[in-house]
Amino acid sequence: MDVINEYLTKCRQIIEVVEKQSESIRKAANLFTETILAGRMVHVFGSGHSRIMVEEMWPRYGSFPGFNPIVELSLTFHNLVVGSNGQRQAMFLENVPGLAERILRNFDLSTRDTALIISSSGCNVVPIEMAENFQQKGIKVVALLTAAHAANSSSKRKDGKKLGDFADIILDTGAPLGDAMIKIPNLETPVSPGSTVGGVLIINTIKAEVARLLTAAGQPPKVLSSAAIVGAEKAVQLFESAYDEHAHRLAELYKSVGKPVSSIH
């Protein structure tokens, strides 16, 4: 049994699933481009291992400002596994009602903003409520989930609603129910998940299309680039200017927090 080739074959199948979603990916990219051109930010959120997709979007090589990575360490810090800050606490917290609203209380949101919410199962409370809160504020939501898993899983919310119920666009990682893709003889449970593979493919296709649209609109993005490609001096200049732009955009999300006027613009 060649499990290496089997996993790679299943990854090729995931590529095909992502490819079939090209039109939805373009729609998501158009929404995000409009937000960035308006001087606002695309809010990107994921709890648990969905944090991987948040960090894949920004900041890293080949990425650019315009995205607000909302990463709560209490929901995503897995390194200690057990004990203080362990996995049990993180898994508990991502199903605490009201936490999403507390997180978003930190930002002065606008209807010009958009949001990308990542949750493979689409069934945990915090990402669902995050999407719900954004929609209630008139903000368009793109959900990145695993369709097969979400369809066959039970929501942790009392009303049974899932992430897809609060999304304007739904994108599918193409992974199977349960995520793990390889069954090994004499091993009861499958191994090697696929949602990260599909998720990263979708993140980077969106990123590429947004970069194309921004450039076509006469506002090419400041892309974090390796010195091996652009030279040391240019690389430093790009990093500094991209981080400065991120700071300026982020400042817009803080300047009116807590003021009595409506935070919706």
Protein backbone atom coordinates (compact mmCIF):
# COMPACT_ATOMS: atom_id res chain seq x y z
CA MET A 1 0.00 0.00 0.00
CA ASP A 2 1.58 3.29 -1.11
CA VAL A 3 0.02 5.79 1.28
CA ILE A 4 2.27 8.60 0.04
CA ASN A 5 0.92 8.40 -3.49
CA GLU A 6 -2.61 7.89 -2.21
CA TYR A 7 -2.44 11.14 -0.24
CA LEU A 8 -0.99 13.01 -3.22
CA THR A 9 -3.75 11.60 -5.44
CA LYS A 10 -6.39 12.85 -3.02
CA CYS A 11 -4.72 16.26 -3.03
CA ARG A 12 -5.01 16.35 -6.82
CA GLN A 13 -8.71 15.67 -6.39
CA ILE A 14 -8.89 18.62 -3.99
CA ILE A 15 -7.30 20.81 -6.66
CA GLU A 16 -10.11 19.79 -9.01
CA VAL A 17 -12.72 20.74 -6.41
CA VAL A 18 -11.12 24.15 -5.97
CA GLU A 19 -10.85 24.64 -9.72
CA LYS A 20 -14.60 24.13 -10.11
CA GLN A 21 -15.16 27.05 -7.73
CA SER A 22 -13.29 29.58 -9.86
CA GLU A 23 -16.37 31.78 -10.34
CA SER A 24 -17.09 31.94 -6.59
CA ILE A 25 -13.42 32.65 -5.91
CA ARG A 26 -13.57 35.55 -8.38
CA LYS A 27 -16.70 36.91 -6.67
CA ALA A 28 -14.97 36.77 -3.29
CA ALA A 29 -11.88 38.47 -4.73
CA ASN A 30 -14.05 41.23 -6.20
CA LEU A 31 -15.64 41.90 -2.82
CA PHE A 32 -12.27 42.04 -1.11
CA THR A 33 -10.80 44.29 -3.80
CA GLU A 34 -13.64 46.80 -3.36
CA THR A 35 -12.90 46.90 0.37
CA ILE A 36 -9.17 47.46 -0.12
CA LEU A 37 -9.71 50.12 -2.78
CA ALA A 38 -12.01 51.91 -0.33
CA GLY A 39 -9.13 52.13 2.16
CA ARG A 40 -10.72 49.59 4.48
CA MET A 41 -9.78 46.03 5.49
CA VAL A 42 -10.92 42.47 4.91
CA HIS A 43 -11.36 40.85 8.32
CA VAL A 44 -9.98 37.29 8.34
CA PHE A 45 -10.87 35.00 11.23
CA GLY A 46 -10.40 31.36 12.09
CA SER A 47 -10.25 29.48 15.37
CA GLY A 48 -8.31 26.28 16.03
CA HIS A 49 -6.19 25.14 13.11
CA SER A 50 -8.10 27.46 10.79
CA ARG A 51 -5.60 30.03 12.02
CA ILE A 52 -3.25 28.54 9.41
CA MET A 53 -5.36 30.03 6.63
CA VAL A 54 -5.52 33.41 8.38
CA GLU A 55 -1.73 33.63 8.50
CA GLU A 56 -1.45 32.35 4.95
CA MET A 57 -3.42 35.37 3.77
CA TRP A 58 -1.28 38.00 5.56
CA PRO A 59 1.49 38.69 6.49
CA ARG A 60 3.90 36.42 4.62
CA TYR A 61 5.97 36.41 1.44
CA GLY A 62 3.78 37.02 -1.59
CA SER A 63 1.06 38.79 0.42
CA PHE A 64 0.08 42.42 0.80
CA PRO A 65 -1.82 44.85 3.07
CA GLY A 66 -5.59 45.10 3.15
CA PHE A 67 -6.34 42.13 5.39
CA ASN A 68 -6.96 42.25 9.14
CA PRO A 69 -5.87 38.89 10.64
CA ILE A 70 -7.98 38.36 13.75
CA VAL A 71 -6.09 35.68 15.68
CA GLU A 72 -7.16 35.03 19.26
CA LEU A 73 -4.40 33.12 21.04
CA SER A 74 -6.90 31.60 23.49
CA LEU A 75 -8.55 29.88 20.51
CA THR A 76 -5.49 29.00 18.47
CA PHE A 77 -2.48 28.35 20.73
CA HIS A 78 -1.90 24.60 20.60
CA ASN A 79 1.79 24.23 21.33
CA LEU A 80 1.53 23.20 24.98
CA VAL A 81 -1.26 20.70 24.17
CA VAL A 82 -2.10 20.08 27.87
CA GLY A 83 -1.80 22.08 31.07
CA SER A 84 -2.09 25.86 31.10
CA ASN A 85 -3.13 27.21 27.67
CA GLY A 86 -3.82 23.65 26.53
CA GLN A 87 -5.90 22.31 23.71
CA ARG A 88 -8.85 21.39 25.92
CA GLN A 89 -9.34 25.01 26.90
CA ALA A 90 -9.08 26.23 23.31
CA MET A 91 -11.65 23.70 22.12
CA PHE A 92 -13.96 24.76 24.96
CA LEU A 93 -13.59 28.47 24.30
CA GLU A 94 -14.36 28.23 20.58
CA ASN A 95 -17.87 27.18 21.59
CA VAL A 96 -18.55 29.92 24.12
CA PRO A 97 -21.48 32.12 23.01
CA GLY A 98 -20.80 35.84 23.04
CA LEU A 99 -17.03 35.63 22.59
CA ALA A 100 -17.21 36.69 18.94
CA GLU A 101 -19.09 39.84 19.87
CA ARG A 102 -16.45 40.65 22.52
CA ILE A 103 -13.70 40.28 19.93
CA LEU A 104 -15.42 42.53 17.40
CA ARG A 105 -16.07 45.16 20.10
CA ASN A 106 -12.44 46.16 19.56
CA PHE A 107 -13.04 47.44 16.03
CA ASP A 108 -14.89 50.34 14.41
CA LEU A 109 -16.51 48.37 11.61
CA SER A 110 -17.90 49.70 8.34
CA THR A 111 -20.23 48.39 5.67
CA ARG A 112 -17.30 48.93 3.29
CA ASP A 113 -15.47 46.14 5.11
CA THR A 114 -15.74 42.48 4.15
CA ALA A 115 -14.96 39.30 6.06
CA LEU A 116 -13.48 35.88 5.43
CA ILE A 117 -14.39 33.33 8.10
CA ILE A 118 -12.64 29.96 8.10
CA SER A 119 -13.97 26.85 9.85
CA SER A 120 -13.60 23.39 8.37
CA SER A 121 -16.63 21.99 10.18
CA GLY A 122 -18.60 25.22 10.08
CA CYS A 123 -20.16 24.05 13.34
CA ASN A 124 -18.25 25.76 16.16
CA VAL A 125 -19.97 28.65 17.91
CA VAL A 126 -17.35 31.41 17.72
CA PRO A 127 -16.78 31.39 13.94
CA ILE A 128 -20.53 31.07 13.35
CA GLU A 129 -21.26 34.04 15.62
CA MET A 130 -18.40 35.97 14.04
CA ALA A 131 -20.07 35.62 10.64
CA GLU A 132 -23.49 36.42 12.13
CA ASN A 133 -22.17 39.60 13.79
CA PHE A 134 -20.56 40.77 10.56
CA GLN A 135 -23.76 40.22 8.59
CA GLN A 136 -25.82 42.05 11.21
CA LYS A 137 -23.53 45.03 10.67
CA GLY A 138 -24.12 44.95 6.91
CA ILE A 139 -20.74 43.41 6.10
CA LYS A 140 -20.46 40.80 3.34
CA VAL A 141 -19.16 37.43 4.55
CA VAL A 142 -17.22 34.77 2.66
CA ALA A 143 -17.12 31.40 4.44
CA LEU A 144 -14.33 28.91 3.83
CA LEU A 145 -15.41 25.49 5.06
CA THR A 146 -15.40 21.80 4.18
CA ALA A 147 -18.79 21.16 2.58
CA ALA A 148 -18.87 17.39 3.14
CA HIS A 149 -17.93 17.76 6.79
CA ALA A 150 -20.28 20.67 7.49
CA ALA A 151 -23.23 18.92 5.86
CA ASN A 152 -22.79 15.80 8.00
CA SER A 153 -21.93 17.44 11.33
CA SER A 154 -24.09 18.92 14.06
CA SER A 155 -23.79 22.57 14.96
CA LYS A 156 -22.72 23.44 18.50
CA ARG A 157 -25.27 26.26 18.46
CA LYS A 158 -28.58 25.60 20.16
CA ASP A 159 -30.53 26.71 17.09
CA GLY A 160 -28.56 24.34 14.84
CA LYS A 161 -27.35 27.06 12.49
CA LYS A 162 -23.93 26.68 10.88
CA LEU A 163 -21.34 29.00 9.36
CA GLY A 164 -22.84 28.63 5.89
CA ASP A 165 -26.12 30.08 7.16
CA PHE A 166 -24.40 33.44 7.64
CA ALA A 167 -22.35 33.60 4.45
CA ASP A 168 -22.88 35.51 1.22
CA ILE A 169 -20.37 33.25 -0.56
CA ILE A 170 -19.36 29.72 0.48
CA LEU A 171 -16.06 28.16 -0.58
CA ASP A 172 -15.29 24.46 -0.10
CA THR A 173 -11.85 23.07 0.82
CA GLY A 174 -12.77 19.80 -0.90
CA ALA A 175 -11.65 17.66 2.05
CA PRO A 176 -13.74 14.63 3.10
CA LEU A 177 -15.98 14.13 6.13
CA GLY A 178 -13.71 14.00 9.16
CA ASP A 179 -10.90 15.72 7.23
CA ALA A 180 -8.37 12.85 7.49
CA MET A 181 -7.94 11.23 4.06
CA ILE A 182 -5.85 8.07 4.43
CA LYS A 183 -7.09 4.73 5.78
CA ILE A 184 -4.37 2.33 6.87
CA PRO A 185 -4.92 -1.43 7.31
CA ASN A 186 -5.28 -2.43 10.97
CA LEU A 187 -5.58 1.20 12.05
CA GLU A 188 -9.10 2.06 13.13
CA THR A 189 -9.02 5.77 12.31
CA PRO A 190 -7.82 7.62 9.18
CA VAL A 191 -4.84 10.00 9.19
CA SER A 192 -3.53 13.00 7.21
CA PRO A 193 -6.12 15.78 6.89
CA GLY A 194 -6.86 17.61 3.65
CA SER A 195 -8.70 20.79 4.61
CA THR A 196 -5.49 22.79 5.00
CA VAL A 197 -4.43 21.83 1.47
CA GLY A 198 -7.71 23.01 -0.04
CA GLY A 199 -7.88 26.02 2.23
CA VAL A 200 -4.42 27.26 1.29
CA LEU A 201 -5.20 26.77 -2.41
CA ILE A 202 -8.30 28.93 -2.05
CA ILE A 203 -6.52 31.58 0.01
CA ASN A 204 -3.80 31.98 -2.60
CA THR A 205 -6.10 31.96 -5.61
CA ILE A 206 -8.09 34.76 -3.93
CA LYS A 207 -4.84 36.58 -3.17
CA ALA A 208 -3.66 36.34 -6.77
CA GLU A 209 -6.96 37.61 -8.17
CA VAL A 210 -7.13 40.50 -5.69
CA ALA A 211 -3.57 41.51 -6.64
CA ARG A 212 -4.55 41.43 -10.32
CA LEU A 213 -7.64 43.55 -9.72
CA LEU A 214 -5.81 46.09 -7.57
CA THR A 215 -3.09 46.44 -10.19
CA ALA A 216 -5.65 46.81 -12.98
CA ALA A 217 -7.32 49.55 -10.92
CA GLY A 218 -4.04 51.47 -10.79
CA GLN A 219 -3.32 50.62 -7.16
CA PRO A 220 -0.78 47.78 -7.28
CA PRO A 221 -0.28 46.25 -3.82
CA LYS A 222 2.91 46.46 -1.77
CA VAL A 223 3.90 42.81 -1.80
CA LEU A 224 6.20 41.30 0.84
CA SER A 225 9.01 39.98 -1.36
CA SER A 226 12.23 38.05 -0.86
CA ALA A 227 15.59 39.78 -1.19
CA ALA A 228 16.56 36.87 -3.44
CA ILE A 229 14.06 38.23 -5.98
CA VAL A 230 14.09 42.00 -5.59
CA GLY A 231 17.40 42.63 -3.80
CA ALA A 232 18.01 43.41 -0.14
CA GLU A 233 17.32 47.14 -0.30
CA LYS A 234 14.06 46.78 -2.23
CA ALA A 235 12.90 43.95 0.04
CA VAL A 236 13.36 46.12 3.14
CA GLN A 237 11.56 49.02 1.46
CA LEU A 238 8.62 46.79 0.53
CA PHE A 239 8.34 45.28 4.02
CA GLU A 240 8.46 48.67 5.73
CA SER A 241 5.97 50.31 3.36
CA ALA A 242 3.60 47.34 3.55
CA TYR A 243 3.69 47.32 7.34
CA ASP A 244 3.15 51.08 7.39
CA GLU A 245 0.12 50.74 5.14
CA HIS A 246 -1.24 47.99 7.37
CA ALA A 247 -0.85 50.27 10.40
CA HIS A 248 -2.65 53.14 8.68
CA ARG A 249 -5.53 50.90 7.63
CA LEU A 250 -5.73 49.40 11.10
CA ALA A 251 -5.84 52.88 12.63
CA GLU A 252 -9.14 53.43 10.80
CA LEU A 253 -10.57 50.46 12.71
CA TYR A 254 -9.65 51.97 16.09
CA LYS A 255 -10.18 55.72 15.81
CA SER A 256 -13.92 55.78 16.61
CA VAL A 257 -14.21 52.74 18.90
CA GLY A 258 -16.54 53.49 21.81
CA LYS A 259 -17.81 56.79 20.49
CA PRO A 260 -21.58 57.31 20.79
CA VAL A 261 -22.06 57.69 17.04
CA SER A 262 -22.87 54.60 14.99
CA SER A 263 -19.78 52.62 13.93
CA ILE A 264 -21.37 51.75 10.61
CA HIS A 265 -20.29 54.08 7.80
